[in-house]
Amino acid sequence: MNKVEELKAKVLKAQQDSDIASLYVLEKEAHEVFDEDTLQGFYANILDMALEKLTDTLENHRKMNMTEVQDFATTRALYEYAMEHYSAGQIKDASALFEVLSGMTNDDKFSNALKLHWIASAENLSLEDFLENIADIELTQNAGTFYISEFKKEAQKLLDNSQSKGE
């Protein structure tokens, strides 16, 4: 069996087990071995599984447990999906996803960070402006989170404006 076939077998096994975490473990190897079309299919499968888990989570009125590896991987996949929408200028879709994500985990830091994403996108702030003026990319990288978790002082103004509009 060659490298591509071996990796495809591992990916298929992870898909059959609905194991998003294992797919993320295989991600680096997938980038080295798969062509662009196969790589797109790889990520599409992760997203399909994450959306299924999201539906299941919402239907069962539970929260994702960020210490549980599959819930963590699912949350990461959904966050990346929301950011893709934001990046593509589909701000309303991104905003709706951020809103759902902000309330679906048991992790307060994640929830609070996603509320800022949601408010920024609901205010029609472009991703570029969000990254430049609201997010603190350097501190986020130092924090090692998969999501933008650290923010500049401007973020507090955004929160304050949002709360004053809601009153």
N, C-alpha and C. Protein backbone atom coordinates (compact mmCIF):
# COMPACT_ATOMS: atom_id res chain seq x y z
N MET A 1 0.85 -1.19 0.00
CA MET A 1 0.00 0.00 0.00
C MET A 1 0.89 1.24 0.00
N ASN A 2 0.60 2.19 -0.89
CA ASN A 2 1.40 3.40 -0.92
C ASN A 2 0.89 4.40 0.13
N LYS A 3 1.59 5.51 0.24
CA LYS A 3 1.30 6.51 1.27
C LYS A 3 -0.11 7.09 1.13
N VAL A 4 -0.53 7.36 -0.10
CA VAL A 4 -1.85 7.93 -0.34
C VAL A 4 -2.93 6.94 0.09
N GLU A 5 -2.77 5.68 -0.31
CA GLU A 5 -3.76 4.65 0.05
C GLU A 5 -3.82 4.43 1.56
N GLU A 6 -2.65 4.44 2.22
CA GLU A 6 -2.61 4.28 3.68
C GLU A 6 -3.36 5.42 4.37
N LEU A 7 -3.10 6.64 3.91
CA LEU A 7 -3.75 7.79 4.52
C LEU A 7 -5.25 7.75 4.25
N LYS A 8 -5.65 7.40 3.03
CA LYS A 8 -7.08 7.31 2.72
C LYS A 8 -7.76 6.28 3.62
N ALA A 9 -7.09 5.18 3.91
CA ALA A 9 -7.65 4.15 4.80
C ALA A 9 -7.82 4.69 6.22
N LYS A 10 -6.83 5.45 6.70
CA LYS A 10 -6.93 6.05 8.03
C LYS A 10 -8.07 7.07 8.08
N VAL A 11 -8.18 7.87 7.03
CA VAL A 11 -9.24 8.88 6.96
C VAL A 11 -10.61 8.21 6.93
N LEU A 12 -10.74 7.16 6.12
CA LEU A 12 -12.00 6.43 6.03
C LEU A 12 -12.40 5.85 7.39
N LYS A 13 -11.44 5.28 8.10
CA LYS A 13 -11.70 4.71 9.43
C LYS A 13 -12.19 5.81 10.38
N ALA A 14 -11.53 6.96 10.38
CA ALA A 14 -11.93 8.08 11.23
C ALA A 14 -13.33 8.56 10.86
N GLN A 15 -13.63 8.60 9.56
CA GLN A 15 -14.96 9.03 9.12
C GLN A 15 -16.03 8.04 9.57
N GLN A 16 -15.74 6.75 9.44
CA GLN A 16 -16.70 5.73 9.86
C GLN A 16 -16.97 5.81 11.36
N ASP A 17 -15.95 6.20 12.13
CA ASP A 17 -16.08 6.33 13.58
C ASP A 17 -16.59 7.71 14.00
N SER A 18 -16.87 8.59 13.02
CA SER A 18 -17.24 9.99 13.30
C SER A 18 -16.24 10.65 14.23
N ASP A 19 -14.96 10.40 13.94
CA ASP A 19 -13.86 10.84 14.80
C ASP A 19 -13.17 12.07 14.20
N ILE A 20 -13.74 13.24 14.49
CA ILE A 20 -13.20 14.50 13.96
C ILE A 20 -11.79 14.75 14.49
N ALA A 21 -11.56 14.42 15.74
CA ALA A 21 -10.25 14.64 16.36
C ALA A 21 -9.16 13.89 15.60
N SER A 22 -9.43 12.66 15.23
CA SER A 22 -8.43 11.88 14.48
C SER A 22 -8.17 12.50 13.11
N LEU A 23 -9.20 13.04 12.50
CA LEU A 23 -9.00 13.70 11.21
C LEU A 23 -8.08 14.91 11.35
N TYR A 24 -8.23 15.65 12.45
CA TYR A 24 -7.33 16.78 12.68
C TYR A 24 -5.90 16.30 12.92
N VAL A 25 -5.74 15.13 13.55
CA VAL A 25 -4.40 14.56 13.76
C VAL A 25 -3.77 14.23 12.40
N LEU A 26 -4.60 13.81 11.46
CA LEU A 26 -4.11 13.44 10.12
C LEU A 26 -3.95 14.63 9.18
N GLU A 27 -4.33 15.81 9.65
CA GLU A 27 -4.36 17.00 8.78
C GLU A 27 -3.01 17.32 8.13
N LYS A 28 -1.94 17.32 8.91
CA LYS A 28 -0.61 17.66 8.35
C LYS A 28 -0.22 16.67 7.25
N GLU A 29 -0.43 15.39 7.53
CA GLU A 29 -0.12 14.37 6.54
C GLU A 29 -0.99 14.54 5.30
N ALA A 30 -2.25 14.91 5.48
CA ALA A 30 -3.16 15.11 4.35
C ALA A 30 -2.64 16.22 3.44
N HIS A 31 -2.11 17.29 4.05
CA HIS A 31 -1.56 18.39 3.26
C HIS A 31 -0.33 17.96 2.47
N GLU A 32 0.43 17.03 3.01
CA GLU A 32 1.65 16.56 2.33
C GLU A 32 1.34 15.58 1.21
N VAL A 33 0.25 14.82 1.35
CA VAL A 33 -0.01 13.68 0.46
C VAL A 33 -1.12 13.94 -0.55
N PHE A 34 -2.19 14.59 -0.14
CA PHE A 34 -3.37 14.73 -0.99
C PHE A 34 -3.24 15.89 -1.98
N ASP A 35 -3.88 15.72 -3.15
CA ASP A 35 -3.97 16.83 -4.09
C ASP A 35 -5.06 17.78 -3.59
N GLU A 36 -5.22 18.91 -4.25
CA GLU A 36 -6.13 19.97 -3.79
C GLU A 36 -7.58 19.49 -3.69
N ASP A 37 -8.04 18.73 -4.70
CA ASP A 37 -9.43 18.25 -4.69
C ASP A 37 -9.68 17.29 -3.53
N THR A 38 -8.74 16.38 -3.30
CA THR A 38 -8.88 15.42 -2.21
C THR A 38 -8.84 16.15 -0.87
N LEU A 39 -7.99 17.16 -0.77
CA LEU A 39 -7.88 17.95 0.45
C LEU A 39 -9.19 18.70 0.73
N GLN A 40 -9.82 19.24 -0.31
CA GLN A 40 -11.12 19.91 -0.13
C GLN A 40 -12.16 18.91 0.38
N GLY A 41 -12.13 17.71 -0.15
CA GLY A 41 -13.05 16.66 0.31
C GLY A 41 -12.78 16.28 1.76
N PHE A 42 -11.52 16.26 2.14
CA PHE A 42 -11.11 15.97 3.52
C PHE A 42 -11.76 16.97 4.47
N TYR A 43 -11.64 18.26 4.15
CA TYR A 43 -12.22 19.29 5.01
C TYR A 43 -13.76 19.30 4.94
N ALA A 44 -14.31 18.98 3.79
CA ALA A 44 -15.77 18.90 3.66
C ALA A 44 -16.32 17.80 4.57
N ASN A 45 -15.59 16.69 4.67
CA ASN A 45 -16.02 15.60 5.55
C ASN A 45 -15.98 16.02 7.02
N ILE A 46 -14.93 16.74 7.40
CA ILE A 46 -14.84 17.24 8.77
C ILE A 46 -16.04 18.15 9.05
N LEU A 47 -16.34 19.04 8.13
CA LEU A 47 -17.45 19.96 8.31
C LEU A 47 -18.78 19.22 8.39
N ASP A 48 -19.00 18.25 7.50
CA ASP A 48 -20.25 17.49 7.53
C ASP A 48 -20.45 16.81 8.89
N MET A 49 -19.39 16.20 9.40
CA MET A 49 -19.49 15.54 10.71
C MET A 49 -19.74 16.56 11.82
N ALA A 50 -19.07 17.72 11.75
CA ALA A 50 -19.24 18.76 12.77
C ALA A 50 -20.67 19.29 12.75
N LEU A 51 -21.24 19.48 11.57
CA LEU A 51 -22.62 19.96 11.47
C LEU A 51 -23.61 18.92 12.02
N GLU A 52 -23.34 17.64 11.77
CA GLU A 52 -24.17 16.58 12.35
C GLU A 52 -24.11 16.62 13.87
N LYS A 53 -22.89 16.78 14.41
CA LYS A 53 -22.73 16.83 15.87
C LYS A 53 -23.40 18.08 16.45
N LEU A 54 -23.32 19.19 15.72
CA LEU A 54 -23.98 20.42 16.17
C LEU A 54 -25.49 20.20 16.25
N THR A 55 -26.06 19.62 15.20
CA THR A 55 -27.49 19.34 15.18
C THR A 55 -27.87 18.44 16.35
N ASP A 56 -27.09 17.40 16.56
CA ASP A 56 -27.33 16.47 17.67
C ASP A 56 -27.26 17.18 19.02
N THR A 57 -26.27 18.04 19.17
CA THR A 57 -26.08 18.80 20.41
C THR A 57 -27.27 19.71 20.67
N LEU A 58 -27.71 20.42 19.65
CA LEU A 58 -28.84 21.33 19.80
C LEU A 58 -30.14 20.58 20.08
N GLU A 59 -30.35 19.46 19.36
CA GLU A 59 -31.57 18.68 19.56
C GLU A 59 -31.64 18.09 20.97
N ASN A 60 -30.47 17.76 21.54
CA ASN A 60 -30.43 17.17 22.88
C ASN A 60 -30.28 18.21 23.98
N HIS A 61 -30.34 19.48 23.61
CA HIS A 61 -30.26 20.58 24.58
C HIS A 61 -29.06 20.43 25.52
N ARG A 62 -27.92 20.12 24.93
CA ARG A 62 -26.70 20.01 25.74
C ARG A 62 -25.66 20.99 25.24
N LYS A 63 -24.61 21.15 26.01
CA LYS A 63 -23.50 22.01 25.61
C LYS A 63 -22.31 21.13 25.26
N MET A 64 -21.49 21.64 24.36
CA MET A 64 -20.25 20.94 24.03
C MET A 64 -19.31 21.07 25.23
N ASN A 65 -18.70 19.97 25.57
CA ASN A 65 -17.73 19.94 26.67
C ASN A 65 -16.33 20.09 26.08
N MET A 66 -15.72 21.23 26.29
CA MET A 66 -14.43 21.53 25.65
C MET A 66 -13.28 20.68 26.20
N THR A 67 -13.50 19.92 27.25
CA THR A 67 -12.45 19.00 27.72
C THR A 67 -12.62 17.63 27.07
N GLU A 68 -13.71 17.41 26.35
CA GLU A 68 -13.94 16.16 25.64
C GLU A 68 -13.41 16.33 24.22
N VAL A 69 -12.54 15.45 23.79
CA VAL A 69 -11.79 15.65 22.55
C VAL A 69 -12.69 15.79 21.31
N GLN A 70 -13.76 15.02 21.20
CA GLN A 70 -14.62 15.13 20.02
C GLN A 70 -15.40 16.45 20.02
N ASP A 71 -15.88 16.87 21.18
CA ASP A 71 -16.58 18.15 21.27
C ASP A 71 -15.63 19.30 20.94
N PHE A 72 -14.41 19.22 21.44
CA PHE A 72 -13.40 20.24 21.16
C PHE A 72 -13.14 20.32 19.65
N ALA A 73 -12.92 19.16 19.02
CA ALA A 73 -12.63 19.12 17.58
C ALA A 73 -13.83 19.61 16.76
N THR A 74 -15.03 19.26 17.21
CA THR A 74 -16.25 19.72 16.54
C THR A 74 -16.36 21.24 16.61
N THR A 75 -16.11 21.78 17.79
CA THR A 75 -16.18 23.22 17.99
C THR A 75 -15.15 23.92 17.10
N ARG A 76 -13.95 23.35 17.04
CA ARG A 76 -12.90 23.93 16.18
C ARG A 76 -13.36 23.94 14.72
N ALA A 77 -13.92 22.85 14.25
CA ALA A 77 -14.36 22.77 12.85
C ALA A 77 -15.45 23.80 12.57
N LEU A 78 -16.38 23.96 13.49
CA LEU A 78 -17.47 24.92 13.30
C LEU A 78 -16.94 26.36 13.34
N TYR A 79 -15.97 26.61 14.21
CA TYR A 79 -15.36 27.94 14.27
C TYR A 79 -14.66 28.26 12.93
N GLU A 80 -13.90 27.30 12.43
CA GLU A 80 -13.21 27.51 11.15
C GLU A 80 -14.21 27.77 10.03
N TYR A 81 -15.34 27.08 10.07
CA TYR A 81 -16.40 27.27 9.08
C TYR A 81 -16.96 28.70 9.17
N ALA A 82 -17.21 29.15 10.39
CA ALA A 82 -17.72 30.51 10.58
C ALA A 82 -16.70 31.54 10.08
N MET A 83 -15.42 31.31 10.38
CA MET A 83 -14.38 32.25 9.92
C MET A 83 -14.25 32.24 8.41
N GLU A 84 -14.47 31.09 7.77
CA GLU A 84 -14.46 31.04 6.30
C GLU A 84 -15.55 31.95 5.74
N HIS A 85 -16.73 31.89 6.35
CA HIS A 85 -17.83 32.75 5.92
C HIS A 85 -17.45 34.22 6.11
N TYR A 86 -16.88 34.52 7.26
CA TYR A 86 -16.48 35.90 7.56
C TYR A 86 -15.46 36.38 6.53
N SER A 87 -14.48 35.53 6.26
CA SER A 87 -13.42 35.85 5.31
C SER A 87 -13.97 36.06 3.90
N ALA A 88 -15.00 35.30 3.54
CA ALA A 88 -15.59 35.39 2.21
C ALA A 88 -16.58 36.55 2.08
N GLY A 89 -16.73 37.33 3.16
CA GLY A 89 -17.63 38.47 3.12
C GLY A 89 -19.09 38.10 3.37
N GLN A 90 -19.33 36.86 3.78
CA GLN A 90 -20.69 36.42 4.11
C GLN A 90 -20.93 36.71 5.59
N ILE A 91 -21.00 38.01 5.90
CA ILE A 91 -20.98 38.46 7.29
C ILE A 91 -22.23 38.03 8.06
N LYS A 92 -23.40 38.07 7.43
CA LYS A 92 -24.63 37.65 8.11
C LYS A 92 -24.56 36.17 8.50
N ASP A 93 -24.08 35.33 7.58
CA ASP A 93 -23.94 33.90 7.88
C ASP A 93 -22.93 33.67 8.99
N ALA A 94 -21.81 34.38 8.92
CA ALA A 94 -20.79 34.25 9.96
C ALA A 94 -21.36 34.68 11.30
N SER A 95 -22.09 35.78 11.31
CA SER A 95 -22.68 36.30 12.54
C SER A 95 -23.62 35.28 13.18
N ALA A 96 -24.45 34.65 12.36
CA ALA A 96 -25.38 33.63 12.88
C ALA A 96 -24.61 32.45 13.47
N LEU A 97 -23.55 32.03 12.80
CA LEU A 97 -22.74 30.93 13.32
C LEU A 97 -22.04 31.32 14.63
N PHE A 98 -21.50 32.53 14.68
CA PHE A 98 -20.84 33.00 15.91
C PHE A 98 -21.84 33.04 17.07
N GLU A 99 -23.07 33.46 16.76
CA GLU A 99 -24.10 33.51 17.81
C GLU A 99 -24.35 32.12 18.38
N VAL A 100 -24.53 31.14 17.51
CA VAL A 100 -24.77 29.76 17.96
C VAL A 100 -23.55 29.25 18.75
N LEU A 101 -22.36 29.47 18.18
CA LEU A 101 -21.14 28.99 18.84
C LEU A 101 -20.92 29.63 20.21
N SER A 102 -21.33 30.88 20.35
CA SER A 102 -21.08 31.58 21.62
C SER A 102 -21.86 30.97 22.77
N GLY A 103 -22.92 30.23 22.45
CA GLY A 103 -23.72 29.65 23.52
C GLY A 103 -23.70 28.14 23.59
N MET A 104 -22.84 27.49 22.82
CA MET A 104 -22.95 26.03 22.76
C MET A 104 -21.88 25.25 23.51
N THR A 105 -20.96 25.94 24.20
CA THR A 105 -19.95 25.20 24.93
C THR A 105 -20.01 25.53 26.42
N ASN A 106 -19.29 24.72 27.19
CA ASN A 106 -19.19 24.96 28.63
C ASN A 106 -17.96 25.78 28.97
N ASP A 107 -17.33 26.38 27.97
CA ASP A 107 -16.09 27.13 28.16
C ASP A 107 -16.39 28.64 28.11
N ASP A 108 -16.33 29.28 29.28
CA ASP A 108 -16.67 30.71 29.35
C ASP A 108 -15.74 31.58 28.51
N LYS A 109 -14.45 31.26 28.48
CA LYS A 109 -13.50 32.07 27.69
C LYS A 109 -13.86 32.00 26.21
N PHE A 110 -14.15 30.81 25.73
CA PHE A 110 -14.55 30.63 24.33
C PHE A 110 -15.86 31.39 24.07
N SER A 111 -16.84 31.21 24.95
CA SER A 111 -18.15 31.87 24.78
C SER A 111 -18.00 33.39 24.71
N ASN A 112 -17.21 33.95 25.62
CA ASN A 112 -17.01 35.40 25.63
C ASN A 112 -16.30 35.88 24.38
N ALA A 113 -15.31 35.14 23.94
CA ALA A 113 -14.58 35.51 22.72
C ALA A 113 -15.52 35.47 21.51
N LEU A 114 -16.36 34.44 21.45
CA LEU A 114 -17.28 34.33 20.31
C LEU A 114 -18.37 35.39 20.34
N LYS A 115 -18.73 35.85 21.53
CA LYS A 115 -19.68 36.96 21.61
C LYS A 115 -19.10 38.20 20.94
N LEU A 116 -17.79 38.42 21.12
CA LEU A 116 -17.15 39.56 20.45
C LEU A 116 -17.14 39.38 18.93
N HIS A 117 -16.87 38.15 18.48
CA HIS A 117 -16.94 37.86 17.04
C HIS A 117 -18.35 38.18 16.53
N TRP A 118 -19.34 37.72 17.29
CA TRP A 118 -20.74 37.88 16.91
C TRP A 118 -21.12 39.35 16.85
N ILE A 119 -20.78 40.10 17.88
CA ILE A 119 -21.12 41.53 17.91
C ILE A 119 -20.45 42.27 16.75
N ALA A 120 -19.16 41.98 16.54
CA ALA A 120 -18.43 42.64 15.45
C ALA A 120 -19.08 42.36 14.10
N SER A 121 -19.42 41.10 13.86
CA SER A 121 -20.03 40.75 12.57
C SER A 121 -21.46 41.29 12.49
N ALA A 122 -22.18 41.29 13.60
CA ALA A 122 -23.55 41.84 13.61
C ALA A 122 -23.52 43.35 13.32
N GLU A 123 -22.42 44.00 13.71
CA GLU A 123 -22.24 45.44 13.43
C GLU A 123 -21.70 45.67 12.02
N ASN A 124 -21.60 44.58 11.25
CA ASN A 124 -21.12 44.62 9.87
C ASN A 124 -19.65 45.04 9.75
N LEU A 125 -18.88 44.77 10.77
CA LEU A 125 -17.45 45.05 10.75
C LEU A 125 -16.78 44.00 9.86
N SER A 126 -15.97 44.43 8.92
CA SER A 126 -15.31 43.46 8.04
C SER A 126 -14.30 42.64 8.83
N LEU A 127 -13.94 41.49 8.30
CA LEU A 127 -12.95 40.65 8.97
C LEU A 127 -11.63 41.40 9.11
N GLU A 128 -11.26 42.16 8.07
CA GLU A 128 -10.00 42.90 8.12
C GLU A 128 -10.01 43.91 9.28
N ASP A 129 -11.12 44.64 9.44
CA ASP A 129 -11.24 45.59 10.55
C ASP A 129 -11.25 44.88 11.89
N PHE A 130 -11.93 43.75 11.95
CA PHE A 130 -11.97 42.96 13.19
C PHE A 130 -10.56 42.53 13.59
N LEU A 131 -9.81 42.01 12.62
CA LEU A 131 -8.45 41.53 12.90
C LEU A 131 -7.52 42.68 13.26
N GLU A 132 -7.70 43.81 12.58
CA GLU A 132 -6.81 44.95 12.78
C GLU A 132 -7.13 45.74 14.06
N ASN A 133 -8.41 45.93 14.35
CA ASN A 133 -8.80 46.85 15.42
C ASN A 133 -9.31 46.20 16.70
N ILE A 134 -9.85 45.00 16.60
CA ILE A 134 -10.49 44.36 17.74
C ILE A 134 -9.63 43.21 18.29
N ALA A 135 -9.22 42.33 17.41
CA ALA A 135 -8.45 41.14 17.82
C ALA A 135 -7.01 41.51 18.15
N ASP A 136 -6.45 40.80 19.12
CA ASP A 136 -5.02 40.92 19.41
C ASP A 136 -4.39 39.60 18.97
N ILE A 137 -3.91 39.59 17.74
CA ILE A 137 -3.41 38.37 17.11
C ILE A 137 -2.17 37.84 17.84
N GLU A 138 -1.27 38.73 18.20
CA GLU A 138 -0.04 38.30 18.88
C GLU A 138 -0.35 37.61 20.21
N LEU A 139 -1.21 38.22 21.03
CA LEU A 139 -1.58 37.60 22.30
C LEU A 139 -2.35 36.30 22.09
N THR A 140 -3.18 36.25 21.05
CA THR A 140 -3.91 35.03 20.73
C THR A 140 -2.92 33.91 20.37
N GLN A 141 -1.92 34.24 19.56
CA GLN A 141 -0.92 33.22 19.20
C GLN A 141 -0.18 32.74 20.44
N ASN A 142 0.15 33.66 21.33
CA ASN A 142 0.82 33.28 22.58
C ASN A 142 -0.07 32.41 23.45
N ALA A 143 -1.38 32.66 23.40
CA ALA A 143 -2.32 31.87 24.20
C ALA A 143 -2.47 30.45 23.65
N GLY A 144 -2.18 30.29 22.36
CA GLY A 144 -2.22 28.96 21.75
C GLY A 144 -3.63 28.42 21.51
N THR A 145 -4.62 29.30 21.43
CA THR A 145 -5.99 28.85 21.17
C THR A 145 -6.22 28.71 19.67
N PHE A 146 -7.18 27.87 19.30
CA PHE A 146 -7.50 27.70 17.88
C PHE A 146 -8.40 28.83 17.38
N TYR A 147 -8.88 29.64 18.28
CA TYR A 147 -9.78 30.74 17.95
C TYR A 147 -9.17 32.06 18.44
N ILE A 148 -9.66 33.17 17.90
CA ILE A 148 -9.19 34.49 18.36
C ILE A 148 -9.73 34.68 19.76
N SER A 149 -8.81 34.70 20.73
CA SER A 149 -9.21 34.68 22.14
C SER A 149 -8.76 35.92 22.90
N GLU A 150 -7.92 36.73 22.29
CA GLU A 150 -7.40 37.91 22.97
C GLU A 150 -7.76 39.15 22.14
N PHE A 151 -8.07 40.23 22.85
CA PHE A 151 -8.61 41.40 22.16
C PHE A 151 -7.97 42.68 22.66
N LYS A 152 -8.02 43.70 21.80
CA LYS A 152 -7.51 45.03 22.12
C LYS A 152 -8.55 45.80 22.92
N LYS A 153 -8.18 46.98 23.40
CA LYS A 153 -9.09 47.82 24.18
C LYS A 153 -10.35 48.19 23.38
N GLU A 154 -10.20 48.30 22.07
CA GLU A 154 -11.35 48.63 21.21
C GLU A 154 -12.49 47.63 21.39
N ALA A 155 -12.17 46.40 21.76
CA ALA A 155 -13.20 45.38 21.94
C ALA A 155 -14.18 45.78 23.03
N GLN A 156 -13.68 46.40 24.09
CA GLN A 156 -14.57 46.83 25.18
C GLN A 156 -15.55 47.90 24.70
N LYS A 157 -15.07 48.79 23.83
CA LYS A 157 -15.96 49.81 23.27
C LYS A 157 -17.07 49.15 22.44
N LEU A 158 -16.69 48.14 21.69
CA LEU A 158 -17.66 47.40 20.88
C LEU A 158 -18.72 46.77 21.79
N LEU A 159 -18.28 46.15 22.88
CA LEU A 159 -19.21 45.55 23.85
C LEU A 159 -20.12 46.60 24.47
N ASP A 160 -19.52 47.70 24.89
CA ASP A 160 -20.30 48.77 25.53
C ASP A 160 -21.36 49.32 24.57
N ASN A 161 -20.98 49.56 23.33
CA ASN A 161 -21.92 50.08 22.32
C ASN A 161 -23.06 49.07 22.10
N SER A 162 -22.70 47.82 22.05
CA SER A 162 -23.69 46.76 21.84
C SER A 162 -24.68 46.70 23.00
N GLN A 163 -24.16 46.82 24.22
CA GLN A 163 -25.04 46.75 25.39
C GLN A 163 -25.94 47.97 25.49
N SER A 164 -25.42 49.15 25.12
CA SER A 164 -26.24 50.35 25.20
C SER A 164 -27.35 50.33 24.15
N LYS A 165 -27.09 49.67 23.01
CA LYS A 165 -28.13 49.53 21.98
C LYS A 165 -29.24 48.57 22.43
N GLY A 166 -28.82 47.58 23.24
CA GLY A 166 -29.77 46.56 23.69
C GLY A 166 -30.67 47.04 24.80
N GLU A 167 -30.35 48.14 25.44
CA GLU A 167 -31.15 48.61 26.59
C GLU A 167 -32.36 49.40 26.16
